[in-house]
Amino acid sequence: MFIMILNARFLTTLVMFALFAGACILATGLPTKAAFMPLLVGIPGALLCGAQLILDLRRGPDASAEKNAVADTSAQSEAQAFGWLALFTVALIGFGFVAGGPIIVGAFVRFSSRDSWKNAAVAAGGTFIVLWGIFIWLLELSLFNGLILDALLG
């Protein structure tokens, strides 16, 4: 029988699984072209989170002090990850994918990864090229422009 202590890692995985599965469920009601992106991200994400949930359930509780110290730093890094996730969400909703995505990726590389400005600029530029080149130019998809940019540009 599986005995599980609800820790931050398990709860994080459970929330992420729910988000990915929800995106997949919502995508089933969309037209084929519109459902492509949520399914492309949602299916692998849900599968990976499901596998992690199984691993967490099999691992069971461990009360050693060393593991608790690791869990404390893990909880702190998970809190930082959720903070960056919130910033990504705000940037994408505010400025859209093509403008907000590269900005927040560059900020993440510079400040969270503590990398150089040069690497942050390369990451931001690469993100822009992928978003614009693949989704807009190659696949001819219309990406969300963001609420702030829509208001400013008319």
C-alpha atoms as a PDB file:
ATOM      1  CA  MET A   1       0.000   0.000   0.000  1.00  0.00           C
ATOM      2  CA  PHE A   2       1.235   3.481  -0.845  1.00  0.00           C
ATOM      3  CA  ILE A   3       1.698   5.867   2.043  1.00  0.00           C
ATOM      4  CA  MET A   4       2.181   9.435   0.898  1.00  0.00           C
ATOM      5  CA  ILE A   5       2.977  12.617   2.737  1.00  0.00           C
ATOM      6  CA  LEU A   6       1.752  15.641   0.802  1.00  0.00           C
ATOM      7  CA  ASN A   7       4.929  17.616   0.364  1.00  0.00           C
ATOM      8  CA  ALA A   8       5.672  20.619  -1.839  1.00  0.00           C
ATOM      9  CA  ARG A   9       7.180  18.494  -4.601  1.00  0.00           C
ATOM     10  CA  PHE A  10       4.160  16.198  -4.872  1.00  0.00           C
ATOM     11  CA  LEU A  11       1.706  19.103  -4.766  1.00  0.00           C
ATOM     12  CA  THR A  12       3.658  20.993  -7.434  1.00  0.00           C
ATOM     13  CA  THR A  13       3.605  17.966  -9.719  1.00  0.00           C
ATOM     14  CA  LEU A  14      -0.101  17.468  -9.073  1.00  0.00           C
ATOM     15  CA  VAL A  15      -0.902  21.094  -9.941  1.00  0.00           C
ATOM     16  CA  MET A  16       1.199  20.938 -13.113  1.00  0.00           C
ATOM     17  CA  PHE A  17      -0.494  17.673 -14.134  1.00  0.00           C
ATOM     18  CA  ALA A  18      -3.900  19.308 -13.659  1.00  0.00           C
ATOM     19  CA  LEU A  19      -2.840  22.301 -15.786  1.00  0.00           C
ATOM     20  CA  PHE A  20      -1.507  20.148 -18.637  1.00  0.00           C
ATOM     21  CA  ALA A  21      -4.494  17.790 -18.543  1.00  0.00           C
ATOM     22  CA  GLY A  22      -6.864  20.763 -18.450  1.00  0.00           C
ATOM     23  CA  ALA A  23      -5.201  22.272 -21.509  1.00  0.00           C
ATOM     24  CA  CYS A  24      -5.633  18.975 -23.356  1.00  0.00           C
ATOM     25  CA  ILE A  25      -9.289  18.700 -22.366  1.00  0.00           C
ATOM     26  CA  LEU A  26     -10.014  22.296 -23.385  1.00  0.00           C
ATOM     27  CA  ALA A  27      -8.178  21.781 -26.690  1.00  0.00           C
ATOM     28  CA  THR A  28     -10.577  19.009 -27.700  1.00  0.00           C
ATOM     29  CA  GLY A  29     -13.291  21.641 -28.136  1.00  0.00           C
ATOM     30  CA  LEU A  30     -11.180  23.806 -30.446  1.00  0.00           C
ATOM     31  CA  PRO A  31     -10.813  23.608 -34.221  1.00  0.00           C
ATOM     32  CA  THR A  32      -7.943  21.384 -35.350  1.00  0.00           C
ATOM     33  CA  LYS A  33      -5.524  24.209 -36.164  1.00  0.00           C
ATOM     34  CA  ALA A  34      -6.211  25.988 -32.867  1.00  0.00           C
ATOM     35  CA  ALA A  35      -5.930  22.789 -30.824  1.00  0.00           C
ATOM     36  CA  PHE A  36      -2.482  21.967 -32.194  1.00  0.00           C
ATOM     37  CA  MET A  37      -0.436  24.081 -29.779  1.00  0.00           C
ATOM     38  CA  PRO A  38      -2.233  23.176 -26.512  1.00  0.00           C
ATOM     39  CA  LEU A  39      -2.037  19.501 -27.425  1.00  0.00           C
ATOM     40  CA  LEU A  40       1.608  19.791 -28.500  1.00  0.00           C
ATOM     41  CA  VAL A  41       2.497  21.134 -25.056  1.00  0.00           C
ATOM     42  CA  GLY A  42      -0.206  19.480 -22.964  1.00  0.00           C
ATOM     43  CA  ILE A  43       0.184  15.826 -23.924  1.00  0.00           C
ATOM     44  CA  PRO A  44       3.929  15.484 -23.205  1.00  0.00           C
ATOM     45  CA  GLY A  45       3.568  17.656 -20.095  1.00  0.00           C
ATOM     46  CA  ALA A  46       0.730  15.541 -18.710  1.00  0.00           C
ATOM     47  CA  LEU A  47       2.598  12.312 -19.465  1.00  0.00           C
ATOM     48  CA  LEU A  48       5.776  13.529 -17.752  1.00  0.00           C
ATOM     49  CA  CYS A  49       3.867  14.841 -14.729  1.00  0.00           C
ATOM     50  CA  GLY A  50       1.937  11.567 -14.504  1.00  0.00           C
ATOM     51  CA  ALA A  51       5.200   9.625 -14.513  1.00  0.00           C
ATOM     52  CA  GLN A  52       6.587  11.909 -11.796  1.00  0.00           C
ATOM     53  CA  LEU A  53       3.451  11.397  -9.688  1.00  0.00           C
ATOM     54  CA  ILE A  54       3.894   7.624  -9.933  1.00  0.00           C
ATOM     55  CA  LEU A  55       7.549   7.948  -8.902  1.00  0.00           C
ATOM     56  CA  ASP A  56       6.583  10.161  -5.957  1.00  0.00           C
ATOM     57  CA  LEU A  57       3.910   7.692  -4.834  1.00  0.00           C
ATOM     58  CA  ARG A  58       6.319   4.758  -5.058  1.00  0.00           C
ATOM     59  CA  ARG A  59       9.054   6.611  -3.189  1.00  0.00           C
ATOM     60  CA  GLY A  60       6.856   7.132  -0.149  1.00  0.00           C
ATOM     61  CA  PRO A  61       7.642   9.221   2.915  1.00  0.00           C
ATOM     62  CA  ASP A  62      11.184   9.627   4.182  1.00  0.00           C
ATOM     63  CA  ALA A  63      11.718  11.268   7.543  1.00  0.00           C
ATOM     64  CA  SER A  64      15.496  11.580   7.567  1.00  0.00           C
ATOM     65  CA  ALA A  65      16.903  14.984   8.525  1.00  0.00           C
ATOM     66  CA  GLU A  66      19.174  15.086   5.476  1.00  0.00           C
ATOM     67  CA  LYS A  67      16.225  14.647   3.125  1.00  0.00           C
ATOM     68  CA  ASN A  68      14.300  17.371   4.986  1.00  0.00           C
ATOM     69  CA  ALA A  69      17.185  19.821   4.450  1.00  0.00           C
ATOM     70  CA  VAL A  70      17.147  19.026   0.746  1.00  0.00           C
ATOM     71  CA  ALA A  71      13.357  19.437   0.744  1.00  0.00           C
ATOM     72  CA  ASP A  72      13.705  22.913   2.293  1.00  0.00           C
ATOM     73  CA  THR A  73      15.966  24.118  -0.533  1.00  0.00           C
ATOM     74  CA  SER A  74      13.712  22.301  -2.991  1.00  0.00           C
ATOM     75  CA  ALA A  75      10.694  24.171  -1.646  1.00  0.00           C
ATOM     76  CA  GLN A  76      12.578  27.459  -2.000  1.00  0.00           C
ATOM     77  CA  SER A  77      13.511  26.693  -5.608  1.00  0.00           C
ATOM     78  CA  GLU A  78       9.924  25.655  -6.314  1.00  0.00           C
ATOM     79  CA  ALA A  79       8.730  28.982  -4.920  1.00  0.00           C
ATOM     80  CA  GLN A  80      11.169  30.756  -7.255  1.00  0.00           C
ATOM     81  CA  ALA A  81       9.907  28.648 -10.156  1.00  0.00           C
ATOM     82  CA  PHE A  82       6.326  29.645  -9.395  1.00  0.00           C
ATOM     83  CA  GLY A  83       7.431  33.288  -9.202  1.00  0.00           C
ATOM     84  CA  TRP A  84       9.006  33.041 -12.655  1.00  0.00           C
ATOM     85  CA  LEU A  85       5.903  31.241 -13.917  1.00  0.00           C
ATOM     86  CA  ALA A  86       3.807  34.168 -12.679  1.00  0.00           C
ATOM     87  CA  LEU A  87       6.144  36.634 -14.420  1.00  0.00           C
ATOM     88  CA  PHE A  88       5.949  34.613 -17.648  1.00  0.00           C
ATOM     89  CA  THR A  89       2.155  34.652 -17.407  1.00  0.00           C
ATOM     90  CA  VAL A  90       2.002  38.414 -16.825  1.00  0.00           C
ATOM     91  CA  ALA A  91       4.448  39.100 -19.684  1.00  0.00           C
ATOM     92  CA  LEU A  92       2.580  36.864 -22.126  1.00  0.00           C
ATOM     93  CA  ILE A  93      -0.840  38.234 -21.226  1.00  0.00           C
ATOM     94  CA  GLY A  94       0.406  41.817 -21.227  1.00  0.00           C
ATOM     95  CA  PHE A  95       2.732  41.834 -24.219  1.00  0.00           C
ATOM     96  CA  GLY A  96       1.859  38.676 -26.127  1.00  0.00           C
ATOM     97  CA  PHE A  97       4.034  35.816 -27.237  1.00  0.00           C
ATOM     98  CA  VAL A  98       6.246  37.517 -29.803  1.00  0.00           C
ATOM     99  CA  ALA A  99       7.150  40.519 -27.620  1.00  0.00           C
ATOM    100  CA  GLY A 100       6.669  39.216 -24.069  1.00  0.00           C
ATOM    101  CA  GLY A 101       8.244  35.807 -24.625  1.00  0.00           C
ATOM    102  CA  PRO A 102      11.704  37.035 -25.629  1.00  0.00           C
ATOM    103  CA  ILE A 103      11.708  39.719 -22.919  1.00  0.00           C
ATOM    104  CA  ILE A 104      10.928  37.303 -20.103  1.00  0.00           C
ATOM    105  CA  VAL A 105      13.261  34.586 -21.444  1.00  0.00           C
ATOM    106  CA  GLY A 106      16.093  37.118 -21.537  1.00  0.00           C
ATOM    107  CA  ALA A 107      15.263  38.257 -18.005  1.00  0.00           C
ATOM    108  CA  PHE A 108      15.162  34.662 -16.786  1.00  0.00           C
ATOM    109  CA  VAL A 109      18.539  33.819 -18.308  1.00  0.00           C
ATOM    110  CA  ARG A 110      20.133  36.978 -16.916  1.00  0.00           C
ATOM    111  CA  PHE A 111      18.667  37.078 -13.398  1.00  0.00           C
ATOM    112  CA  SER A 112      17.630  33.547 -12.460  1.00  0.00           C
ATOM    113  CA  SER A 113      20.458  31.723 -14.184  1.00  0.00           C
ATOM    114  CA  ARG A 114      22.873  34.569 -13.384  1.00  0.00           C
ATOM    115  CA  ASP A 115      24.249  34.401 -16.893  1.00  0.00           C
ATOM    116  CA  SER A 116      25.814  37.234 -18.899  1.00  0.00           C
ATOM    117  CA  TRP A 117      23.874  39.903 -20.746  1.00  0.00           C
ATOM    118  CA  LYS A 118      25.245  38.501 -23.998  1.00  0.00           C
ATOM    119  CA  ASN A 119      23.772  35.057 -23.325  1.00  0.00           C
ATOM    120  CA  ALA A 120      20.496  36.639 -22.211  1.00  0.00           C
ATOM    121  CA  ALA A 121      20.317  38.602 -25.473  1.00  0.00           C
ATOM    122  CA  VAL A 122      21.069  35.473 -27.498  1.00  0.00           C
ATOM    123  CA  ALA A 123      18.344  33.550 -25.628  1.00  0.00           C
ATOM    124  CA  ALA A 124      15.845  36.376 -26.154  1.00  0.00           C
ATOM    125  CA  GLY A 125      16.749  36.648 -29.838  1.00  0.00           C
ATOM    126  CA  GLY A 126      16.479  32.889 -30.299  1.00  0.00           C
ATOM    127  CA  THR A 127      13.074  32.899 -28.629  1.00  0.00           C
ATOM    128  CA  PHE A 128      11.903  35.659 -30.957  1.00  0.00           C
ATOM    129  CA  ILE A 129      13.191  33.802 -34.024  1.00  0.00           C
ATOM    130  CA  VAL A 130      11.456  30.585 -32.967  1.00  0.00           C
ATOM    131  CA  LEU A 131       8.168  32.286 -32.118  1.00  0.00           C
ATOM    132  CA  TRP A 132       8.062  34.470 -35.202  1.00  0.00           C
ATOM    133  CA  GLY A 133       9.819  32.135 -37.623  1.00  0.00           C
ATOM    134  CA  ILE A 134       8.044  28.912 -36.820  1.00  0.00           C
ATOM    135  CA  PHE A 135       4.617  29.968 -35.654  1.00  0.00           C
ATOM    136  CA  ILE A 136       3.943  33.138 -37.648  1.00  0.00           C
ATOM    137  CA  TRP A 137       6.032  32.679 -40.794  1.00  0.00           C
ATOM    138  CA  LEU A 138       6.174  28.898 -41.270  1.00  0.00           C
ATOM    139  CA  LEU A 139       2.890  27.700 -39.740  1.00  0.00           C
ATOM    140  CA  GLU A 140       1.045  30.967 -40.481  1.00  0.00           C
ATOM    141  CA  LEU A 141      -0.563  30.970 -37.037  1.00  0.00           C
ATOM    142  CA  SER A 142      -1.846  34.073 -35.348  1.00  0.00           C
ATOM    143  CA  LEU A 143      -0.324  34.380 -31.886  1.00  0.00           C
ATOM    144  CA  PHE A 144      -1.852  36.343 -29.017  1.00  0.00           C
ATOM    145  CA  ASN A 145      -0.640  39.971 -29.163  1.00  0.00           C
ATOM    146  CA  GLY A 146      -1.144  40.794 -25.493  1.00  0.00           C
ATOM    147  CA  LEU A 147      -3.608  43.114 -23.824  1.00  0.00           C
ATOM    148  CA  ILE A 148      -1.190  46.019 -23.372  1.00  0.00           C
ATOM    149  CA  LEU A 149       0.133  45.912 -26.936  1.00  0.00           C
ATOM    150  CA  ASP A 150      -3.398  45.619 -28.324  1.00  0.00           C
ATOM    151  CA  ALA A 151      -4.424  48.706 -26.345  1.00  0.00           C
ATOM    152  CA  LEU A 152      -1.344  50.672 -27.429  1.00  0.00           C
ATOM    153  CA  LEU A 153      -1.427  49.654 -31.084  1.00  0.00           C
ATOM    154  CA  GLY A 154      -5.139  50.033 -31.508  1.00  0.00           C
END
